[in-house]
mmCIF file of all heavy atoms, coordinates in Angstrom:
data_MODEL
# 
_entry.id   MODEL 
# 
loop_
_atom_site.group_PDB 
_atom_site.id 
_atom_site.type_symbol 
_atom_site.label_atom_id 
_atom_site.label_alt_id 
_atom_site.label_comp_id 
_atom_site.label_asym_id 
_atom_site.label_entity_id 
_atom_site.label_seq_id 
_atom_site.pdbx_PDB_ins_code 
_atom_site.Cartn_x 
_atom_site.Cartn_y 
_atom_site.Cartn_z 
_atom_site.occupancy 
_atom_site.B_iso_or_equiv 
_atom_site.pdbx_formal_charge 
_atom_site.auth_seq_id 
_atom_site.auth_comp_id 
_atom_site.auth_asym_id 
_atom_site.auth_atom_id 
_atom_site.pdbx_PDB_model_num 
ATOM 1   N N   . GLY A 1 1  ? 150.037 -51.282 46.989 1.00 0.00 ? 1  GLY A N   1 
ATOM 2   C CA  . GLY A 1 1  ? 148.849 -50.488 47.280 1.00 0.00 ? 1  GLY A CA  1 
ATOM 3   C C   . GLY A 1 1  ? 149.163 -49.098 47.786 1.00 0.00 ? 1  GLY A C   1 
ATOM 4   O O   . GLY A 1 1  ? 148.324 -48.460 48.431 1.00 0.00 ? 1  GLY A O   1 
ATOM 5   N N   . ARG A 1 2  ? 150.372 -48.613 47.479 1.00 0.00 ? 2  ARG A N   1 
ATOM 6   C CA  . ARG A 1 2  ? 150.783 -47.269 47.888 1.00 0.00 ? 2  ARG A CA  1 
ATOM 7   C C   . ARG A 1 2  ? 151.588 -46.637 46.760 1.00 0.00 ? 2  ARG A C   1 
ATOM 8   O O   . ARG A 1 2  ? 152.289 -47.331 46.022 1.00 0.00 ? 2  ARG A O   1 
ATOM 9   C CB  . ARG A 1 2  ? 151.649 -47.301 49.147 1.00 0.00 ? 2  ARG A CB  1 
ATOM 10  C CG  . ARG A 1 2  ? 151.013 -47.933 50.359 1.00 0.00 ? 2  ARG A CG  1 
ATOM 11  C CD  . ARG A 1 2  ? 151.943 -47.813 51.563 1.00 0.00 ? 2  ARG A CD  1 
ATOM 12  N NE  . ARG A 1 2  ? 151.469 -48.607 52.684 1.00 0.00 ? 2  ARG A NE  1 
ATOM 13  C CZ  . ARG A 1 2  ? 152.090 -48.686 53.858 1.00 0.00 ? 2  ARG A CZ  1 
ATOM 14  N NH1 . ARG A 1 2  ? 153.213 -47.990 54.053 1.00 0.00 ? 2  ARG A NH1 1 
ATOM 15  N NH2 . ARG A 1 2  ? 151.611 -49.447 54.834 1.00 0.00 ? 2  ARG A NH2 1 
ATOM 16  N N   . LYS A 1 3  ? 151.513 -45.314 46.662 1.00 0.00 ? 3  LYS A N   1 
ATOM 17  C CA  . LYS A 1 3  ? 152.322 -44.582 45.693 1.00 0.00 ? 3  LYS A CA  1 
ATOM 18  C C   . LYS A 1 3  ? 153.666 -44.250 46.318 1.00 0.00 ? 3  LYS A C   1 
ATOM 19  O O   . LYS A 1 3  ? 153.772 -44.006 47.524 1.00 0.00 ? 3  LYS A O   1 
ATOM 20  C CB  . LYS A 1 3  ? 151.622 -43.289 45.274 1.00 0.00 ? 3  LYS A CB  1 
ATOM 21  C CG  . LYS A 1 3  ? 150.290 -43.510 44.574 1.00 0.00 ? 3  LYS A CG  1 
ATOM 22  C CD  . LYS A 1 3  ? 150.436 -44.228 43.242 1.00 0.00 ? 3  LYS A CD  1 
ATOM 23  C CE  . LYS A 1 3  ? 151.005 -43.302 42.184 1.00 0.00 ? 3  LYS A CE  1 
ATOM 24  N NZ  . LYS A 1 3  ? 151.038 -43.948 40.836 1.00 0.00 ? 3  LYS A NZ  1 
ATOM 25  N N   . ALA A 1 4  ? 154.681 -44.231 45.490 1.00 0.00 ? 4  ALA A N   1 
ATOM 26  C CA  . ALA A 1 4  ? 156.027 -43.899 45.949 1.00 0.00 ? 4  ALA A CA  1 
ATOM 27  C C   . ALA A 1 4  ? 156.327 -42.428 45.705 1.00 0.00 ? 4  ALA A C   1 
ATOM 28  O O   . ALA A 1 4  ? 155.926 -41.858 44.681 1.00 0.00 ? 4  ALA A O   1 
ATOM 29  C CB  . ALA A 1 4  ? 157.052 -44.757 45.219 1.00 0.00 ? 4  ALA A CB  1 
ATOM 30  N N   . GLU A 1 5  ? 157.039 -41.822 46.641 1.00 0.00 ? 5  GLU A N   1 
ATOM 31  C CA  . GLU A 1 5  ? 157.598 -40.492 46.415 1.00 0.00 ? 5  GLU A CA  1 
ATOM 32  C C   . GLU A 1 5  ? 158.928 -40.681 45.696 1.00 0.00 ? 5  GLU A C   1 
ATOM 33  O O   . GLU A 1 5  ? 159.819 -41.368 46.206 1.00 0.00 ? 5  GLU A O   1 
ATOM 34  C CB  . GLU A 1 5  ? 157.814 -39.767 47.742 1.00 0.00 ? 5  GLU A CB  1 
ATOM 35  C CG  . GLU A 1 5  ? 158.413 -38.381 47.581 1.00 0.00 ? 5  GLU A CG  1 
ATOM 36  C CD  . GLU A 1 5  ? 158.776 -37.741 48.902 1.00 0.00 ? 5  GLU A CD  1 
ATOM 37  O OE1 . GLU A 1 5  ? 158.322 -38.242 49.953 1.00 0.00 ? 5  GLU A OE1 1 
ATOM 38  O OE2 . GLU A 1 5  ? 159.530 -36.748 48.885 1.00 0.00 ? 5  GLU A OE2 1 
ATOM 39  N N   . LYS A 1 6  ? 159.059 -40.086 44.532 1.00 0.00 ? 6  LYS A N   1 
ATOM 40  C CA  . LYS A 1 6  ? 160.222 -40.354 43.679 1.00 0.00 ? 6  LYS A CA  1 
ATOM 41  C C   . LYS A 1 6  ? 161.167 -39.162 43.638 1.00 0.00 ? 6  LYS A C   1 
ATOM 42  O O   . LYS A 1 6  ? 160.740 -38.023 43.467 1.00 0.00 ? 6  LYS A O   1 
ATOM 43  C CB  . LYS A 1 6  ? 159.776 -40.706 42.265 1.00 0.00 ? 6  LYS A CB  1 
ATOM 44  C CG  . LYS A 1 6  ? 158.779 -41.869 42.198 1.00 0.00 ? 6  LYS A CG  1 
ATOM 45  C CD  . LYS A 1 6  ? 158.279 -42.084 40.786 1.00 0.00 ? 6  LYS A CD  1 
ATOM 46  C CE  . LYS A 1 6  ? 157.163 -43.110 40.739 1.00 0.00 ? 6  LYS A CE  1 
ATOM 47  N NZ  . LYS A 1 6  ? 155.910 -42.634 41.361 1.00 0.00 ? 6  LYS A NZ  1 
ATOM 48  N N   . VAL A 1 7  ? 162.462 -39.448 43.752 1.00 0.00 ? 7  VAL A N   1 
ATOM 49  C CA  . VAL A 1 7  ? 163.518 -38.454 43.561 1.00 0.00 ? 7  VAL A CA  1 
ATOM 50  C C   . VAL A 1 7  ? 164.247 -38.835 42.277 1.00 0.00 ? 7  VAL A C   1 
ATOM 51  O O   . VAL A 1 7  ? 164.934 -39.861 42.222 1.00 0.00 ? 7  VAL A O   1 
ATOM 52  C CB  . VAL A 1 7  ? 164.499 -38.433 44.749 1.00 0.00 ? 7  VAL A CB  1 
ATOM 53  C CG1 . VAL A 1 7  ? 165.610 -37.412 44.494 1.00 0.00 ? 7  VAL A CG1 1 
ATOM 54  C CG2 . VAL A 1 7  ? 163.771 -38.118 46.036 1.00 0.00 ? 7  VAL A CG2 1 
ATOM 55  N N   . MET A 1 8  ? 164.052 -38.032 41.232 1.00 0.00 ? 8  MET A N   1 
ATOM 56  C CA  . MET A 1 8  ? 164.639 -38.361 39.937 1.00 0.00 ? 8  MET A CA  1 
ATOM 57  C C   . MET A 1 8  ? 166.106 -37.929 39.891 1.00 0.00 ? 8  MET A C   1 
ATOM 58  O O   . MET A 1 8  ? 166.446 -36.796 40.218 1.00 0.00 ? 8  MET A O   1 
ATOM 59  C CB  . MET A 1 8  ? 163.849 -37.675 38.820 1.00 0.00 ? 8  MET A CB  1 
ATOM 60  C CG  . MET A 1 8  ? 162.398 -38.135 38.725 1.00 0.00 ? 8  MET A CG  1 
ATOM 61  S SD  . MET A 1 8  ? 162.292 -39.909 38.368 1.00 0.00 ? 8  MET A SD  1 
ATOM 62  C CE  . MET A 1 8  ? 160.512 -40.125 38.219 1.00 0.00 ? 8  MET A CE  1 
ATOM 63  N N   . LEU A 1 9  ? 166.968 -38.873 39.478 1.00 0.00 ? 9  LEU A N   1 
ATOM 64  C CA  . LEU A 1 9  ? 168.405 -38.631 39.466 1.00 0.00 ? 9  LEU A CA  1 
ATOM 65  C C   . LEU A 1 9  ? 168.996 -39.065 38.125 1.00 0.00 ? 9  LEU A C   1 
ATOM 66  O O   . LEU A 1 9  ? 168.407 -39.884 37.406 1.00 0.00 ? 9  LEU A O   1 
ATOM 67  C CB  . LEU A 1 9  ? 169.082 -39.412 40.589 1.00 0.00 ? 9  LEU A CB  1 
ATOM 68  C CG  . LEU A 1 9  ? 168.701 -39.009 42.021 1.00 0.00 ? 9  LEU A CG  1 
ATOM 69  C CD1 . LEU A 1 9  ? 169.253 -40.014 43.017 1.00 0.00 ? 9  LEU A CD1 1 
ATOM 70  C CD2 . LEU A 1 9  ? 169.195 -37.606 42.332 1.00 0.00 ? 9  LEU A CD2 1 
ATOM 71  N N   . PRO A 1 10 ? 170.174 -38.558 37.768 1.00 0.00 ? 10 PRO A N   1 
ATOM 72  C CA  . PRO A 1 10 ? 170.820 -38.970 36.516 1.00 0.00 ? 10 PRO A CA  1 
ATOM 73  C C   . PRO A 1 10 ? 171.422 -40.367 36.623 1.00 0.00 ? 10 PRO A C   1 
ATOM 74  O O   . PRO A 1 10 ? 171.465 -40.966 37.711 1.00 0.00 ? 10 PRO A O   1 
ATOM 75  C CB  . PRO A 1 10 ? 171.912 -37.912 36.326 1.00 0.00 ? 10 PRO A CB  1 
ATOM 76  C CG  . PRO A 1 10 ? 172.235 -37.467 37.714 1.00 0.00 ? 10 PRO A CG  1 
ATOM 77  C CD  . PRO A 1 10 ? 170.936 -37.506 38.468 1.00 0.00 ? 10 PRO A CD  1 
ATOM 78  N N   . LEU A 1 11 ? 171.887 -40.880 35.521 1.00 0.00 ? 11 LEU A N   1 
ATOM 79  C CA  . LEU A 1 11 ? 172.576 -42.172 35.480 1.00 0.00 ? 11 LEU A CA  1 
ATOM 80  C C   . LEU A 1 11 ? 173.811 -42.115 36.372 1.00 0.00 ? 11 LEU A C   1 
ATOM 81  O O   . LEU A 1 11 ? 174.529 -41.112 36.385 1.00 0.00 ? 11 LEU A O   1 
ATOM 82  C CB  . LEU A 1 11 ? 172.976 -42.488 34.035 1.00 0.00 ? 11 LEU A CB  1 
ATOM 83  C CG  . LEU A 1 11 ? 173.420 -43.922 33.720 1.00 0.00 ? 11 LEU A CG  1 
ATOM 84  C CD1 . LEU A 1 11 ? 172.239 -44.868 33.817 1.00 0.00 ? 11 LEU A CD1 1 
ATOM 85  C CD2 . LEU A 1 11 ? 174.024 -43.990 32.317 1.00 0.00 ? 11 LEU A CD2 1 
ATOM 86  N N   . GLN A 1 12 ? 174.046 -43.179 37.124 1.00 0.00 ? 12 GLN A N   1 
ATOM 87  C CA  . GLN A 1 12 ? 175.172 -43.219 38.050 1.00 0.00 ? 12 GLN A CA  1 
ATOM 88  C C   . GLN A 1 12 ? 176.398 -43.862 37.401 1.00 0.00 ? 12 GLN A C   1 
ATOM 89  O O   . GLN A 1 12 ? 176.270 -44.689 36.488 1.00 0.00 ? 12 GLN A O   1 
ATOM 90  C CB  . GLN A 1 12 ? 174.776 -44.021 39.295 1.00 0.00 ? 12 GLN A CB  1 
ATOM 91  C CG  . GLN A 1 12 ? 173.621 -43.411 40.057 1.00 0.00 ? 12 GLN A CG  1 
ATOM 92  C CD  . GLN A 1 12 ? 173.964 -42.070 40.649 1.00 0.00 ? 12 GLN A CD  1 
ATOM 93  O OE1 . GLN A 1 12 ? 174.751 -41.976 41.582 1.00 0.00 ? 12 GLN A OE1 1 
ATOM 94  N NE2 . GLN A 1 12 ? 173.377 -41.009 40.102 1.00 0.00 ? 12 GLN A NE2 1 
ATOM 95  N N   . PRO A 1 13 ? 177.607 -43.506 37.869 1.00 0.00 ? 13 PRO A N   1 
ATOM 96  C CA  . PRO A 1 13 ? 178.821 -44.131 37.347 1.00 0.00 ? 13 PRO A CA  1 
ATOM 97  C C   . PRO A 1 13 ? 178.765 -45.654 37.489 1.00 0.00 ? 13 PRO A C   1 
ATOM 98  O O   . PRO A 1 13 ? 178.362 -46.171 38.530 1.00 0.00 ? 13 PRO A O   1 
ATOM 99  C CB  . PRO A 1 13 ? 179.928 -43.541 38.237 1.00 0.00 ? 13 PRO A CB  1 
ATOM 100 C CG  . PRO A 1 13 ? 179.375 -42.244 38.722 1.00 0.00 ? 13 PRO A CG  1 
ATOM 101 C CD  . PRO A 1 13 ? 177.906 -42.472 38.882 1.00 0.00 ? 13 PRO A CD  1 
ATOM 102 N N   . GLY A 1 14 ? 179.147 -46.354 36.434 1.00 0.00 ? 14 GLY A N   1 
ATOM 103 C CA  . GLY A 1 14 ? 179.146 -47.812 36.445 1.00 0.00 ? 14 GLY A CA  1 
ATOM 104 C C   . GLY A 1 14 ? 177.850 -48.432 35.975 1.00 0.00 ? 14 GLY A C   1 
ATOM 105 O O   . GLY A 1 14 ? 177.802 -49.629 35.695 1.00 0.00 ? 14 GLY A O   1 
ATOM 106 N N   . ASP A 1 15 ? 176.766 -47.637 35.909 1.00 0.00 ? 15 ASP A N   1 
ATOM 107 C CA  . ASP A 1 15 ? 175.485 -48.170 35.452 1.00 0.00 ? 15 ASP A CA  1 
ATOM 108 C C   . ASP A 1 15 ? 175.421 -48.196 33.923 1.00 0.00 ? 15 ASP A C   1 
ATOM 109 O O   . ASP A 1 15 ? 176.088 -47.421 33.250 1.00 0.00 ? 15 ASP A O   1 
ATOM 110 C CB  . ASP A 1 15 ? 174.327 -47.316 35.972 1.00 0.00 ? 15 ASP A CB  1 
ATOM 111 C CG  . ASP A 1 15 ? 173.962 -47.654 37.407 1.00 0.00 ? 15 ASP A CG  1 
ATOM 112 O OD1 . ASP A 1 15 ? 174.498 -48.641 37.929 1.00 0.00 ? 15 ASP A OD1 1 
ATOM 113 O OD2 . ASP A 1 15 ? 173.148 -46.919 37.996 1.00 0.00 ? 15 ASP A OD2 1 
ATOM 114 N N   . VAL A 1 16 ? 174.592 -49.089 33.390 1.00 0.00 ? 16 VAL A N   1 
ATOM 115 C CA  . VAL A 1 16 ? 174.310 -49.108 31.961 1.00 0.00 ? 16 VAL A CA  1 
ATOM 116 C C   . VAL A 1 16 ? 172.838 -48.759 31.769 1.00 0.00 ? 16 VAL A C   1 
ATOM 117 O O   . VAL A 1 16 ? 172.014 -48.945 32.671 1.00 0.00 ? 16 VAL A O   1 
ATOM 118 C CB  . VAL A 1 16 ? 174.633 -50.475 31.321 1.00 0.00 ? 16 VAL A CB  1 
ATOM 119 C CG1 . VAL A 1 16 ? 176.116 -50.771 31.435 1.00 0.00 ? 16 VAL A CG1 1 
ATOM 120 C CG2 . VAL A 1 16 ? 173.816 -51.594 31.957 1.00 0.00 ? 16 VAL A CG2 1 
ATOM 121 N N   . VAL A 1 17 ? 172.490 -48.268 30.597 1.00 0.00 ? 17 VAL A N   1 
ATOM 122 C CA  . VAL A 1 17 ? 171.124 -47.797 30.356 1.00 0.00 ? 17 VAL A CA  1 
ATOM 123 C C   . VAL A 1 17 ? 170.140 -48.950 30.227 1.00 0.00 ? 17 VAL A C   1 
ATOM 124 O O   . VAL A 1 17 ? 169.014 -48.879 30.720 1.00 0.00 ? 17 VAL A O   1 
ATOM 125 C CB  . VAL A 1 17 ? 171.076 -46.900 29.100 1.00 0.00 ? 17 VAL A CB  1 
ATOM 126 C CG1 . VAL A 1 17 ? 169.640 -46.534 28.743 1.00 0.00 ? 17 VAL A CG1 1 
ATOM 127 C CG2 . VAL A 1 17 ? 171.910 -45.647 29.315 1.00 0.00 ? 17 VAL A CG2 1 
ATOM 128 N N   . ALA A 1 18 ? 170.548 -50.032 29.572 1.00 0.00 ? 18 ALA A N   1 
ATOM 129 C CA  . ALA A 1 18 ? 169.597 -51.113 29.313 1.00 0.00 ? 18 ALA A CA  1 
ATOM 130 C C   . ALA A 1 18 ? 170.298 -52.463 29.292 1.00 0.00 ? 18 ALA A C   1 
ATOM 131 O O   . ALA A 1 18 ? 171.468 -52.565 28.904 1.00 0.00 ? 18 ALA A O   1 
ATOM 132 C CB  . ALA A 1 18 ? 168.878 -50.883 27.988 1.00 0.00 ? 18 ALA A CB  1 
ATOM 133 N N   . THR A 1 19 ? 169.583 -53.504 29.718 1.00 0.00 ? 19 THR A N   1 
ATOM 134 C CA  . THR A 1 19 ? 170.048 -54.881 29.560 1.00 0.00 ? 19 THR A CA  1 
ATOM 135 C C   . THR A 1 19 ? 168.912 -55.714 28.986 1.00 0.00 ? 19 THR A C   1 
ATOM 136 O O   . THR A 1 19 ? 167.735 -55.467 29.281 1.00 0.00 ? 19 THR A O   1 
ATOM 137 C CB  . THR A 1 19 ? 170.501 -55.502 30.898 1.00 0.00 ? 19 THR A CB  1 
ATOM 138 O OG1 . THR A 1 19 ? 169.378 -55.622 31.782 1.00 0.00 ? 19 THR A OG1 1 
ATOM 139 C CG2 . THR A 1 19 ? 171.591 -54.672 31.552 1.00 0.00 ? 19 THR A CG2 1 
ATOM 140 N N   . SER A 1 20 ? 169.262 -56.672 28.174 1.00 0.00 ? 20 SER A N   1 
ATOM 141 C CA  . SER A 1 20 ? 168.287 -57.592 27.593 1.00 0.00 ? 20 SER A CA  1 
ATOM 142 C C   . SER A 1 20 ? 169.024 -58.854 27.175 1.00 0.00 ? 20 SER A C   1 
ATOM 143 O O   . SER A 1 20 ? 170.065 -58.764 26.512 1.00 0.00 ? 20 SER A O   1 
ATOM 144 C CB  . SER A 1 20 ? 167.593 -56.956 26.388 1.00 0.00 ? 20 SER A CB  1 
ATOM 145 O OG  . SER A 1 20 ? 166.708 -57.874 25.770 1.00 0.00 ? 20 SER A OG  1 
ATOM 146 N N   . ALA A 1 21 ? 168.518 -60.000 27.555 1.00 0.00 ? 21 ALA A N   1 
ATOM 147 C CA  . ALA A 1 21 ? 169.227 -61.261 27.343 1.00 0.00 ? 21 ALA A CA  1 
ATOM 148 C C   . ALA A 1 21 ? 168.717 -62.012 26.125 1.00 0.00 ? 21 ALA A C   1 
ATOM 149 O O   . ALA A 1 21 ? 167.516 -62.223 25.973 1.00 0.00 ? 21 ALA A O   1 
ATOM 150 C CB  . ALA A 1 21 ? 169.088 -62.150 28.573 1.00 0.00 ? 21 ALA A CB  1 
ATOM 151 N N   . ASP A 1 22 ? 169.649 -62.420 25.283 1.00 0.00 ? 22 ASP A N   1 
ATOM 152 C CA  . ASP A 1 22 ? 169.359 -63.408 24.250 1.00 0.00 ? 22 ASP A CA  1 
ATOM 153 C C   . ASP A 1 22 ? 169.571 -64.775 24.899 1.00 0.00 ? 22 ASP A C   1 
ATOM 154 O O   . ASP A 1 22 ? 170.699 -65.129 25.257 1.00 0.00 ? 22 ASP A O   1 
ATOM 155 C CB  . ASP A 1 22 ? 170.305 -63.213 23.066 1.00 0.00 ? 22 ASP A CB  1 
ATOM 156 C CG  . ASP A 1 22 ? 170.083 -64.220 21.946 1.00 0.00 ? 22 ASP A CG  1 
ATOM 157 O OD1 . ASP A 1 22 ? 169.451 -65.270 22.195 1.00 0.00 ? 22 ASP A OD1 1 
ATOM 158 O OD2 . ASP A 1 22 ? 170.569 -63.979 20.830 1.00 0.00 ? 22 ASP A OD2 1 
ATOM 159 N N   . VAL A 1 23 ? 168.496 -65.540 25.077 1.00 0.00 ? 23 VAL A N   1 
ATOM 160 C CA  . VAL A 1 23 ? 168.589 -66.827 25.771 1.00 0.00 ? 23 VAL A CA  1 
ATOM 161 C C   . VAL A 1 23 ? 168.370 -68.002 24.829 1.00 0.00 ? 23 VAL A C   1 
ATOM 162 O O   . VAL A 1 23 ? 168.049 -69.113 25.262 1.00 0.00 ? 23 VAL A O   1 
ATOM 163 C CB  . VAL A 1 23 ? 167.587 -66.888 26.950 1.00 0.00 ? 23 VAL A CB  1 
ATOM 164 C CG1 . VAL A 1 23 ? 167.934 -65.854 28.013 1.00 0.00 ? 23 VAL A CG1 1 
ATOM 165 C CG2 . VAL A 1 23 ? 166.152 -66.708 26.472 1.00 0.00 ? 23 VAL A CG2 1 
ATOM 166 N N   . ALA A 1 24 ? 168.561 -67.780 23.543 1.00 0.00 ? 24 ALA A N   1 
ATOM 167 C CA  . ALA A 1 24 ? 168.313 -68.838 22.567 1.00 0.00 ? 24 ALA A CA  1 
ATOM 168 C C   . ALA A 1 24 ? 169.185 -70.068 22.818 1.00 0.00 ? 24 ALA A C   1 
ATOM 169 O O   . ALA A 1 24 ? 168.711 -71.207 22.707 1.00 0.00 ? 24 ALA A O   1 
ATOM 170 C CB  . ALA A 1 24 ? 168.539 -68.306 21.154 1.00 0.00 ? 24 ALA A CB  1 
ATOM 171 N N   . ASP A 1 25 ? 170.454 -69.852 23.160 1.00 0.00 ? 25 ASP A N   1 
ATOM 172 C CA  . ASP A 1 25 ? 171.350 -70.990 23.393 1.00 0.00 ? 25 ASP A CA  1 
ATOM 173 C C   . ASP A 1 25 ? 170.914 -71.796 24.612 1.00 0.00 ? 25 ASP A C   1 
ATOM 174 O O   . ASP A 1 25 ? 170.940 -73.029 24.602 1.00 0.00 ? 25 ASP A O   1 
ATOM 175 C CB  . ASP A 1 25 ? 172.778 -70.507 23.585 1.00 0.00 ? 25 ASP A CB  1 
ATOM 176 C CG  . ASP A 1 25 ? 173.415 -70.023 22.290 1.00 0.00 ? 25 ASP A CG  1 
ATOM 177 O OD1 . ASP A 1 25 ? 172.695 -69.909 21.283 1.00 0.00 ? 25 ASP A OD1 1 
ATOM 178 O OD2 . ASP A 1 25 ? 174.632 -69.762 22.276 1.00 0.00 ? 25 ASP A OD2 1 
ATOM 179 N N   . LEU A 1 26 ? 170.516 -71.108 25.674 1.00 0.00 ? 26 LEU A N   1 
ATOM 180 C CA  . LEU A 1 26 ? 170.034 -71.790 26.876 1.00 0.00 ? 26 LEU A CA  1 
ATOM 181 C C   . LEU A 1 26 ? 168.808 -72.631 26.542 1.00 0.00 ? 26 LEU A C   1 
ATOM 182 O O   . LEU A 1 26 ? 168.713 -73.797 26.944 1.00 0.00 ? 26 LEU A O   1 
ATOM 183 C CB  . LEU A 1 26 ? 169.683 -70.765 27.959 1.00 0.00 ? 26 LEU A CB  1 
ATOM 184 C CG  . LEU A 1 26 ? 169.130 -71.326 29.261 1.00 0.00 ? 26 LEU A CG  1 
ATOM 185 C CD1 . LEU A 1 26 ? 170.215 -72.032 30.049 1.00 0.00 ? 26 LEU A CD1 1 
ATOM 186 C CD2 . LEU A 1 26 ? 168.501 -70.213 30.108 1.00 0.00 ? 26 LEU A CD2 1 
ATOM 187 N N   . GLY A 1 27 ? 167.875 -72.061 25.789 1.00 0.00 ? 27 GLY A N   1 
ATOM 188 C CA  . GLY A 1 27 ? 166.675 -72.798 25.411 1.00 0.00 ? 27 GLY A CA  1 
ATOM 189 C C   . GLY A 1 27 ? 166.990 -74.003 24.547 1.00 0.00 ? 27 GLY A C   1 
ATOM 190 O O   . GLY A 1 27 ? 166.425 -75.087 24.737 1.00 0.00 ? 27 GLY A O   1 
ATOM 191 N N   . ARG A 1 28 ? 167.888 -73.816 23.596 1.00 0.00 ? 28 ARG A N   1 
ATOM 192 C CA  . ARG A 1 28 ? 168.247 -74.920 22.692 1.00 0.00 ? 28 ARG A CA  1 
ATOM 193 C C   . ARG A 1 28 ? 168.898 -76.072 23.450 1.00 0.00 ? 28 ARG A C   1 
ATOM 194 O O   . ARG A 1 28 ? 168.582 -77.252 23.211 1.00 0.00 ? 28 ARG A O   1 
ATOM 195 C CB  . ARG A 1 28 ? 169.215 -74.396 21.632 1.00 0.00 ? 28 ARG A CB  1 
ATOM 196 C CG  . ARG A 1 28 ? 169.667 -75.446 20.614 1.00 0.00 ? 28 ARG A CG  1 
ATOM 197 C CD  . ARG A 1 28 ? 170.897 -74.964 19.870 1.00 0.00 ? 28 ARG A CD  1 
ATOM 198 N NE  . ARG A 1 28 ? 172.029 -74.833 20.771 1.00 0.00 ? 28 ARG A NE  1 
ATOM 199 C CZ  . ARG A 1 28 ? 172.945 -73.864 20.692 1.00 0.00 ? 28 ARG A CZ  1 
ATOM 200 N NH1 . ARG A 1 28 ? 172.855 -72.928 19.767 1.00 0.00 ? 28 ARG A NH1 1 
ATOM 201 N NH2 . ARG A 1 28 ? 173.949 -73.832 21.548 1.00 0.00 ? 28 ARG A NH2 1 
# 
């Protein structure tokens, strides 16, 4: 219920841009 004050920064060392899991094997 509150807005955040944001400080925009570049990608940090060690970070990756995106993650997404294929969980088909777990489901099977």
